[in-house]
Amino acid sequence: MYKAKFNYQQATFLTSAPDIKALPADTGIEVAFAGRSNAGKSSALNTLTRQNSLARTSKTPGRTQLINTFVFAEDKRLIDLPGYGFAKVPLAVKEKWQKSLSQYLEQRQSLQGLVVLMDIRHPLKDLDQQLVHWAVQSELSVLILLTKADKLGPGARKKILLEVREAALAFMGDVTVHMFSSLTKIGMTEFEQTLDNWFSGNPAEQG
C-alpha cells in the first residue's frame, strides 16, 4: 500500500476568496482542483483528506462561487475552484469567473499543478478541454482525474481510461490521466503519488 509523503489529513480551511486578489500570499506550492459542478470534486477532496466535510458536497451543483483554500503543511495548499458548466448562474457571473480563472492559471506563481475532475462516463466536454488547454499554455502540470469509476465495470473503465489517455496526447503538455472513485478508493494511490510529486516540486509522471 502506497504511503503518501504528505499528511493531507491535516488539511484545514484557510479562506474563501471572491477572486485571485483576495488569495493568500503567492508563496510556497499549491495545487488546484477544478471540474464541472457534478464531477465529484468535493468528494475527491474529502477522500484525499480523510475528512467528511472539508469541502462541502451539495445536492445543488454549482453553488460555490468562491475560491476555497485549505492548508495542510507550511506553505502547502489545496485550492478548491468553483464548479463550472452546470450552475444556473447569470452569464455576467460566468464571464467574471472565467476571467478570474484564466488570471489564476496564468499569474499564480505558486500553482504547481491542476487536477481537472471529470465524470468517467462523460469525459472531455468542451469546458474541460478548454481548461486543460489553458493550464498547458500556462506550463502547468495537469492531472485528469476520471471520477465515479465505481459506476462502470472493470472493462468499461479501462477502455475509457485508455481512450482519454490517447486523447490527452493532443494537449501537447504534461497531462496525466488516472481514474478514481471516492466510494471504493479506486485510483487513490495514483492520485496521492501525483500530488506528492507536485508538492515535492517534481514534475508529474507521464501517463
C-alpha atoms as a PDB file:
ATOM      1  CA  MET A   1       0.000   0.000   0.000  1.00  0.00           C
ATOM      2  CA  TYR A   2       1.410   3.371  -1.021  1.00  0.00           C
ATOM      3  CA  LYS A   3       2.051   5.749   1.860  1.00  0.00           C
ATOM      4  CA  ALA A   4       1.674   9.399   0.921  1.00  0.00           C
ATOM      5  CA  LYS A   5       4.676  11.628   1.596  1.00  0.00           C
ATOM      6  CA  PHE A   6       2.416  14.374   2.875  1.00  0.00           C
ATOM      7  CA  ASN A   7      -0.288  14.195   5.510  1.00  0.00           C
ATOM      8  CA  TYR A   8      -3.274  15.547   3.594  1.00  0.00           C
ATOM      9  CA  GLN A   9      -5.417  14.605   6.583  1.00  0.00           C
ATOM     10  CA  GLN A  10      -4.064  17.702   8.336  1.00  0.00           C
ATOM     11  CA  ALA A  11      -5.822  19.983   5.855  1.00  0.00           C
ATOM     12  CA  THR A  12      -7.778  22.795   7.435  1.00  0.00           C
ATOM     13  CA  PHE A  13      -9.861  25.579   5.904  1.00  0.00           C
ATOM     14  CA  LEU A  14      -7.891  28.806   5.464  1.00  0.00           C
ATOM     15  CA  THR A  15     -10.028  31.265   3.495  1.00  0.00           C
ATOM     16  CA  SER A  16     -12.644  31.823   0.782  1.00  0.00           C
ATOM     17  CA  ALA A  17     -11.746  34.378  -1.879  1.00  0.00           C
ATOM     18  CA  PRO A  18     -14.009  36.012  -4.486  1.00  0.00           C
ATOM     19  CA  ASP A  19     -11.045  36.459  -6.864  1.00  0.00           C
ATOM     20  CA  ILE A  20      -7.285  35.942  -7.058  1.00  0.00           C
ATOM     21  CA  LYS A  21      -6.529  39.309  -5.424  1.00  0.00           C
ATOM     22  CA  ALA A  22      -8.015  38.001  -2.172  1.00  0.00           C
ATOM     23  CA  LEU A  23      -5.989  34.763  -2.101  1.00  0.00           C
ATOM     24  CA  PRO A  24      -3.209  34.143   0.451  1.00  0.00           C
ATOM     25  CA  ALA A  25       0.345  35.307  -0.322  1.00  0.00           C
ATOM     26  CA  ASP A  26       1.681  33.790  -3.564  1.00  0.00           C
ATOM     27  CA  THR A  27       4.418  31.708  -1.911  1.00  0.00           C
ATOM     28  CA  GLY A  28       5.117  28.001  -1.460  1.00  0.00           C
ATOM     29  CA  ILE A  29       3.245  25.395  -3.512  1.00  0.00           C
ATOM     30  CA  GLU A  30      -0.440  24.977  -4.217  1.00  0.00           C
ATOM     31  CA  VAL A  31      -2.464  22.516  -6.263  1.00  0.00           C
ATOM     32  CA  ALA A  32      -5.886  23.494  -7.598  1.00  0.00           C
ATOM     33  CA  PHE A  33      -8.955  21.318  -8.174  1.00  0.00           C
ATOM     34  CA  ALA A  34     -11.426  22.174 -10.914  1.00  0.00           C
ATOM     35  CA  GLY A  35     -14.265  20.407 -12.660  1.00  0.00           C
ATOM     36  CA  ARG A  36     -17.830  20.522 -13.822  1.00  0.00           C
ATOM     37  CA  SER A  37     -20.247  21.132 -10.980  1.00  0.00           C
ATOM     38  CA  ASN A  38     -21.335  17.490 -10.847  1.00  0.00           C
ATOM     39  CA  ALA A  39     -17.916  15.857 -11.358  1.00  0.00           C
ATOM     40  CA  GLY A  40     -17.395  14.841  -7.721  1.00  0.00           C
ATOM     41  CA  LYS A  41     -14.754  17.445  -6.847  1.00  0.00           C
ATOM     42  CA  SER A  42     -15.797  17.919  -3.217  1.00  0.00           C
ATOM     43  CA  SER A  43     -15.988  14.157  -2.671  1.00  0.00           C
ATOM     44  CA  ALA A  44     -12.462  13.713  -4.076  1.00  0.00           C
ATOM     45  CA  LEU A  45     -11.073  16.428  -1.777  1.00  0.00           C
ATOM     46  CA  ASN A  46     -12.829  14.909   1.227  1.00  0.00           C
ATOM     47  CA  THR A  47     -11.499  11.443   0.347  1.00  0.00           C
ATOM     48  CA  LEU A  48      -7.948  12.744  -0.109  1.00  0.00           C
ATOM     49  CA  THR A  49      -8.008  14.466   3.281  1.00  0.00           C
ATOM     50  CA  ARG A  50      -9.931  11.669   5.066  1.00  0.00           C
ATOM     51  CA  GLN A  51     -12.464  14.270   6.173  1.00  0.00           C
ATOM     52  CA  ASN A  52     -16.209  14.056   5.619  1.00  0.00           C
ATOM     53  CA  SER A  53     -16.947  17.730   5.235  1.00  0.00           C
ATOM     54  CA  LEU A  54     -13.749  19.657   4.485  1.00  0.00           C
ATOM     55  CA  ALA A  55     -15.133  20.533   1.056  1.00  0.00           C
ATOM     56  CA  ARG A  56     -18.883  20.870   1.134  1.00  0.00           C
ATOM     57  CA  THR A  57     -20.780  18.484  -1.100  1.00  0.00           C
ATOM     58  CA  SER A  58     -24.072  19.897  -2.293  1.00  0.00           C
ATOM     59  CA  LYS A  59     -27.176  18.354  -3.804  1.00  0.00           C
ATOM     60  CA  THR A  60     -27.358  21.531  -5.885  1.00  0.00           C
ATOM     61  CA  PRO A  61     -24.255  21.563  -8.107  1.00  0.00           C
ATOM     62  CA  GLY A  62     -22.543  24.868  -8.778  1.00  0.00           C
ATOM     63  CA  ARG A  63     -23.442  26.553  -5.522  1.00  0.00           C
ATOM     64  CA  THR A  64     -19.866  27.501  -4.621  1.00  0.00           C
ATOM     65  CA  GLN A  65     -18.678  30.628  -6.453  1.00  0.00           C
ATOM     66  CA  LEU A  66     -15.678  31.319  -4.230  1.00  0.00           C
ATOM     67  CA  ILE A  67     -12.081  30.058  -4.358  1.00  0.00           C
ATOM     68  CA  ASN A  68     -11.658  27.967  -1.192  1.00  0.00           C
ATOM     69  CA  THR A  69      -8.164  27.490   0.219  1.00  0.00           C
ATOM     70  CA  PHE A  70      -7.072  24.672   2.529  1.00  0.00           C
ATOM     71  CA  VAL A  71      -3.631  24.387   4.126  1.00  0.00           C
ATOM     72  CA  PHE A  72      -2.109  21.050   5.255  1.00  0.00           C
ATOM     73  CA  ALA A  73       1.581  21.957   5.795  1.00  0.00           C
ATOM     74  CA  GLU A  74       3.679  25.089   5.888  1.00  0.00           C
ATOM     75  CA  ASP A  75       3.274  26.887   2.549  1.00  0.00           C
ATOM     76  CA  LYS A  76       1.403  23.926   1.005  1.00  0.00           C
ATOM     77  CA  ARG A  77      -2.209  24.480  -0.045  1.00  0.00           C
ATOM     78  CA  LEU A  78      -5.108  22.762  -1.775  1.00  0.00           C
ATOM     79  CA  ILE A  79      -7.290  25.140  -3.808  1.00  0.00           C
ATOM     80  CA  ASP A  80     -10.936  24.306  -4.486  1.00  0.00           C
ATOM     81  CA  LEU A  81     -12.059  26.247  -7.554  1.00  0.00           C
ATOM     82  CA  PRO A  82     -15.789  26.795  -8.216  1.00  0.00           C
ATOM     83  CA  GLY A  83     -17.512  24.188 -10.352  1.00  0.00           C
ATOM     84  CA  TYR A  84     -18.374  25.151 -13.905  1.00  0.00           C
ATOM     85  CA  GLY A  85     -20.673  24.195 -16.742  1.00  0.00           C
ATOM     86  CA  PHE A  86     -23.785  23.254 -14.771  1.00  0.00           C
ATOM     87  CA  ALA A  87     -24.588  26.090 -12.399  1.00  0.00           C
ATOM     88  CA  LYS A  88     -27.650  28.163 -13.205  1.00  0.00           C
ATOM     89  CA  VAL A  89     -25.949  31.498 -12.711  1.00  0.00           C
ATOM     90  CA  PRO A  90     -26.233  34.669 -14.795  1.00  0.00           C
ATOM     91  CA  LEU A  91     -23.966  34.993 -17.831  1.00  0.00           C
ATOM     92  CA  ALA A  92     -22.200  38.011 -16.300  1.00  0.00           C
ATOM     93  CA  VAL A  93     -21.232  35.894 -13.268  1.00  0.00           C
ATOM     94  CA  LYS A  94     -19.941  33.116 -15.528  1.00  0.00           C
ATOM     95  CA  GLU A  95     -17.867  35.582 -17.557  1.00  0.00           C
ATOM     96  CA  LYS A  96     -16.408  37.170 -14.423  1.00  0.00           C
ATOM     97  CA  TRP A  97     -15.465  33.745 -13.110  1.00  0.00           C
ATOM     98  CA  GLN A  98     -13.921  32.720 -16.441  1.00  0.00           C
ATOM     99  CA  LYS A  99     -11.741  35.828 -16.341  1.00  0.00           C
ATOM    100  CA  SER A 100     -10.690  35.138 -12.741  1.00  0.00           C
ATOM    101  CA  LEU A 101      -9.884  31.533 -13.609  1.00  0.00           C
ATOM    102  CA  SER A 102      -7.663  32.428 -16.560  1.00  0.00           C
ATOM    103  CA  GLN A 103      -5.877  35.069 -14.442  1.00  0.00           C
ATOM    104  CA  TYR A 104      -5.329  32.497 -11.686  1.00  0.00           C
ATOM    105  CA  LEU A 105      -3.860  29.907 -14.069  1.00  0.00           C
ATOM    106  CA  GLU A 106      -1.639  32.432 -15.842  1.00  0.00           C
ATOM    107  CA  GLN A 107      -0.448  34.579 -12.948  1.00  0.00           C
ATOM    108  CA  ARG A 108      -0.310  32.448  -9.802  1.00  0.00           C
ATOM    109  CA  GLN A 109       3.374  31.628  -9.284  1.00  0.00           C
ATOM    110  CA  SER A 110       2.841  29.081  -6.501  1.00  0.00           C
ATOM    111  CA  LEU A 111       0.441  26.989  -8.600  1.00  0.00           C
ATOM    112  CA  GLN A 112       2.271  23.743  -9.343  1.00  0.00           C
ATOM    113  CA  GLY A 113      -0.492  21.661 -10.885  1.00  0.00           C
ATOM    114  CA  LEU A 114      -4.175  21.474 -11.760  1.00  0.00           C
ATOM    115  CA  VAL A 115      -6.431  18.494 -11.070  1.00  0.00           C
ATOM    116  CA  VAL A 116      -9.294  18.510 -13.580  1.00  0.00           C
ATOM    117  CA  LEU A 117     -12.045  16.178 -12.422  1.00  0.00           C
ATOM    118  CA  MET A 118     -14.381  14.602 -14.983  1.00  0.00           C
ATOM    119  CA  ASP A 119     -17.136  12.030 -14.545  1.00  0.00           C
ATOM    120  CA  ILE A 120     -15.676   8.911 -16.217  1.00  0.00           C
ATOM    121  CA  ARG A 121     -18.996   8.465 -18.064  1.00  0.00           C
ATOM    122  CA  HIS A 122     -18.808  11.967 -19.603  1.00  0.00           C
ATOM    123  CA  PRO A 123     -15.136  12.946 -20.054  1.00  0.00           C
ATOM    124  CA  LEU A 124     -13.537  15.750 -22.078  1.00  0.00           C
ATOM    125  CA  LYS A 125     -16.515  18.060 -22.509  1.00  0.00           C
ATOM    126  CA  ASP A 126     -15.758  21.384 -24.230  1.00  0.00           C
ATOM    127  CA  LEU A 127     -15.164  23.314 -20.985  1.00  0.00           C
ATOM    128  CA  ASP A 128     -12.950  20.521 -19.641  1.00  0.00           C
ATOM    129  CA  GLN A 129     -10.781  20.655 -22.761  1.00  0.00           C
ATOM    130  CA  GLN A 130     -10.618  24.456 -22.635  1.00  0.00           C
ATOM    131  CA  LEU A 131      -9.424  24.311 -19.031  1.00  0.00           C
ATOM    132  CA  VAL A 132      -6.702  21.745 -19.813  1.00  0.00           C
ATOM    133  CA  HIS A 133      -5.574  23.870 -22.790  1.00  0.00           C
ATOM    134  CA  TRP A 134      -5.337  26.967 -20.560  1.00  0.00           C
ATOM    135  CA  ALA A 135      -3.284  25.045 -17.997  1.00  0.00           C
ATOM    136  CA  VAL A 136      -0.907  23.594 -20.612  1.00  0.00           C
ATOM    137  CA  GLN A 137      -0.421  27.049 -22.150  1.00  0.00           C
ATOM    138  CA  SER A 138       0.477  28.284 -18.658  1.00  0.00           C
ATOM    139  CA  GLU A 139       3.055  25.441 -18.436  1.00  0.00           C
ATOM    140  CA  LEU A 140       1.237  23.745 -15.576  1.00  0.00           C
ATOM    141  CA  SER A 141       1.177  20.021 -14.888  1.00  0.00           C
ATOM    142  CA  VAL A 142      -2.336  18.598 -15.246  1.00  0.00           C
ATOM    143  CA  LEU A 143      -3.950  15.518 -13.729  1.00  0.00           C
ATOM    144  CA  ILE A 144      -7.190  14.491 -15.415  1.00  0.00           C
ATOM    145  CA  LEU A 145      -8.989  12.517 -12.719  1.00  0.00           C
ATOM    146  CA  LEU A 146     -11.814  10.356 -14.094  1.00  0.00           C
ATOM    147  CA  THR A 147     -14.185  10.230 -11.120  1.00  0.00           C
ATOM    148  CA  LYS A 148     -17.052   7.895 -10.210  1.00  0.00           C
ATOM    149  CA  ALA A 149     -15.107   4.940 -11.641  1.00  0.00           C
ATOM    150  CA  ASP A 150     -17.212   2.596  -9.485  1.00  0.00           C
ATOM    151  CA  LYS A 151     -20.191   3.364 -11.744  1.00  0.00           C
ATOM    152  CA  LEU A 152     -18.638   1.243 -14.522  1.00  0.00           C
ATOM    153  CA  GLY A 153     -17.371  -2.320 -14.716  1.00  0.00           C
ATOM    154  CA  PRO A 154     -13.609  -3.016 -14.951  1.00  0.00           C
ATOM    155  CA  GLY A 155     -13.624  -3.487 -18.748  1.00  0.00           C
ATOM    156  CA  ALA A 156     -15.556  -0.278 -19.456  1.00  0.00           C
ATOM    157  CA  ARG A 157     -13.384   1.685 -17.005  1.00  0.00           C
ATOM    158  CA  LYS A 158     -10.167   0.554 -18.652  1.00  0.00           C
ATOM    159  CA  LYS A 159     -11.489   1.275 -22.140  1.00  0.00           C
ATOM    160  CA  ILE A 160     -12.390   4.882 -21.271  1.00  0.00           C
ATOM    161  CA  LEU A 161      -9.118   5.388 -19.379  1.00  0.00           C
ATOM    162  CA  LEU A 162      -7.125   4.348 -22.458  1.00  0.00           C
ATOM    163  CA  GLU A 163      -9.293   6.491 -24.761  1.00  0.00           C
ATOM    164  CA  VAL A 164      -8.831   9.587 -22.595  1.00  0.00           C
ATOM    165  CA  ARG A 165      -5.069   8.971 -22.301  1.00  0.00           C
ATOM    166  CA  GLU A 166      -4.901   8.762 -26.092  1.00  0.00           C
ATOM    167  CA  ALA A 167      -6.952  11.975 -26.479  1.00  0.00           C
ATOM    168  CA  ALA A 168      -4.776  13.753 -23.877  1.00  0.00           C
ATOM    169  CA  LEU A 169      -1.720  13.432 -26.128  1.00  0.00           C
ATOM    170  CA  ALA A 170      -3.254  16.152 -28.313  1.00  0.00           C
ATOM    171  CA  PHE A 171      -2.826  18.705 -25.494  1.00  0.00           C
ATOM    172  CA  MET A 172       0.952  18.529 -26.029  1.00  0.00           C
ATOM    173  CA  GLY A 173       1.705  19.132 -22.359  1.00  0.00           C
ATOM    174  CA  ASP A 174       2.404  17.433 -19.026  1.00  0.00           C
ATOM    175  CA  VAL A 175      -1.021  15.776 -18.776  1.00  0.00           C
ATOM    176  CA  THR A 176      -1.522  12.621 -16.694  1.00  0.00           C
ATOM    177  CA  VAL A 177      -4.789  10.645 -16.671  1.00  0.00           C
ATOM    178  CA  HIS A 178      -5.982   8.375 -13.841  1.00  0.00           C
ATOM    179  CA  MET A 179      -9.349   7.007 -12.792  1.00  0.00           C
ATOM    180  CA  PHE A 180     -10.734   7.451  -9.298  1.00  0.00           C
ATOM    181  CA  SER A 181     -13.622   6.556  -7.032  1.00  0.00           C
ATOM    182  CA  SER A 182     -14.223   8.292  -3.717  1.00  0.00           C
ATOM    183  CA  LEU A 183     -16.561   5.412  -2.823  1.00  0.00           C
ATOM    184  CA  THR A 184     -14.290   2.398  -3.453  1.00  0.00           C
ATOM    185  CA  LYS A 185     -10.914   4.236  -3.409  1.00  0.00           C
ATOM    186  CA  ILE A 186     -10.025   3.058  -6.942  1.00  0.00           C
ATOM    187  CA  GLY A 187      -7.012   5.118  -8.064  1.00  0.00           C
ATOM    188  CA  MET A 188      -6.238   6.535  -4.608  1.00  0.00           C
ATOM    189  CA  THR A 189      -2.565   5.502  -4.827  1.00  0.00           C
ATOM    190  CA  GLU A 190      -2.038   7.153  -8.228  1.00  0.00           C
ATOM    191  CA  PHE A 191      -3.892  10.267  -7.058  1.00  0.00           C
ATOM    192  CA  GLU A 192      -1.694  10.674  -3.974  1.00  0.00           C
ATOM    193  CA  GLN A 193       1.531   9.865  -5.851  1.00  0.00           C
ATOM    194  CA  THR A 194       0.833  12.593  -8.412  1.00  0.00           C
ATOM    195  CA  LEU A 195       0.110  15.169  -5.694  1.00  0.00           C
ATOM    196  CA  ASP A 196       3.183  14.080  -3.742  1.00  0.00           C
ATOM    197  CA  ASN A 197       5.325  14.693  -6.849  1.00  0.00           C
ATOM    198  CA  TRP A 198       3.867  18.155  -7.310  1.00  0.00           C
ATOM    199  CA  PHE A 199       4.185  19.169  -3.659  1.00  0.00           C
ATOM    200  CA  SER A 200       7.770  17.896  -3.690  1.00  0.00           C
ATOM    201  CA  GLY A 201       8.430  20.303  -6.565  1.00  0.00           C
ATOM    202  CA  ASN A 202       8.839  17.468  -9.102  1.00  0.00           C
ATOM    203  CA  PRO A 203       7.078  17.301 -12.460  1.00  0.00           C
ATOM    204  CA  ALA A 204       4.246  14.787 -12.632  1.00  0.00           C
ATOM    205  CA  GLU A 205       4.818  11.371 -14.106  1.00  0.00           C
ATOM    206  CA  GLN A 206       3.704  10.873 -17.663  1.00  0.00           C
ATOM    207  CA  GLY A 207       0.788   8.578 -18.380  1.00  0.00           C
END
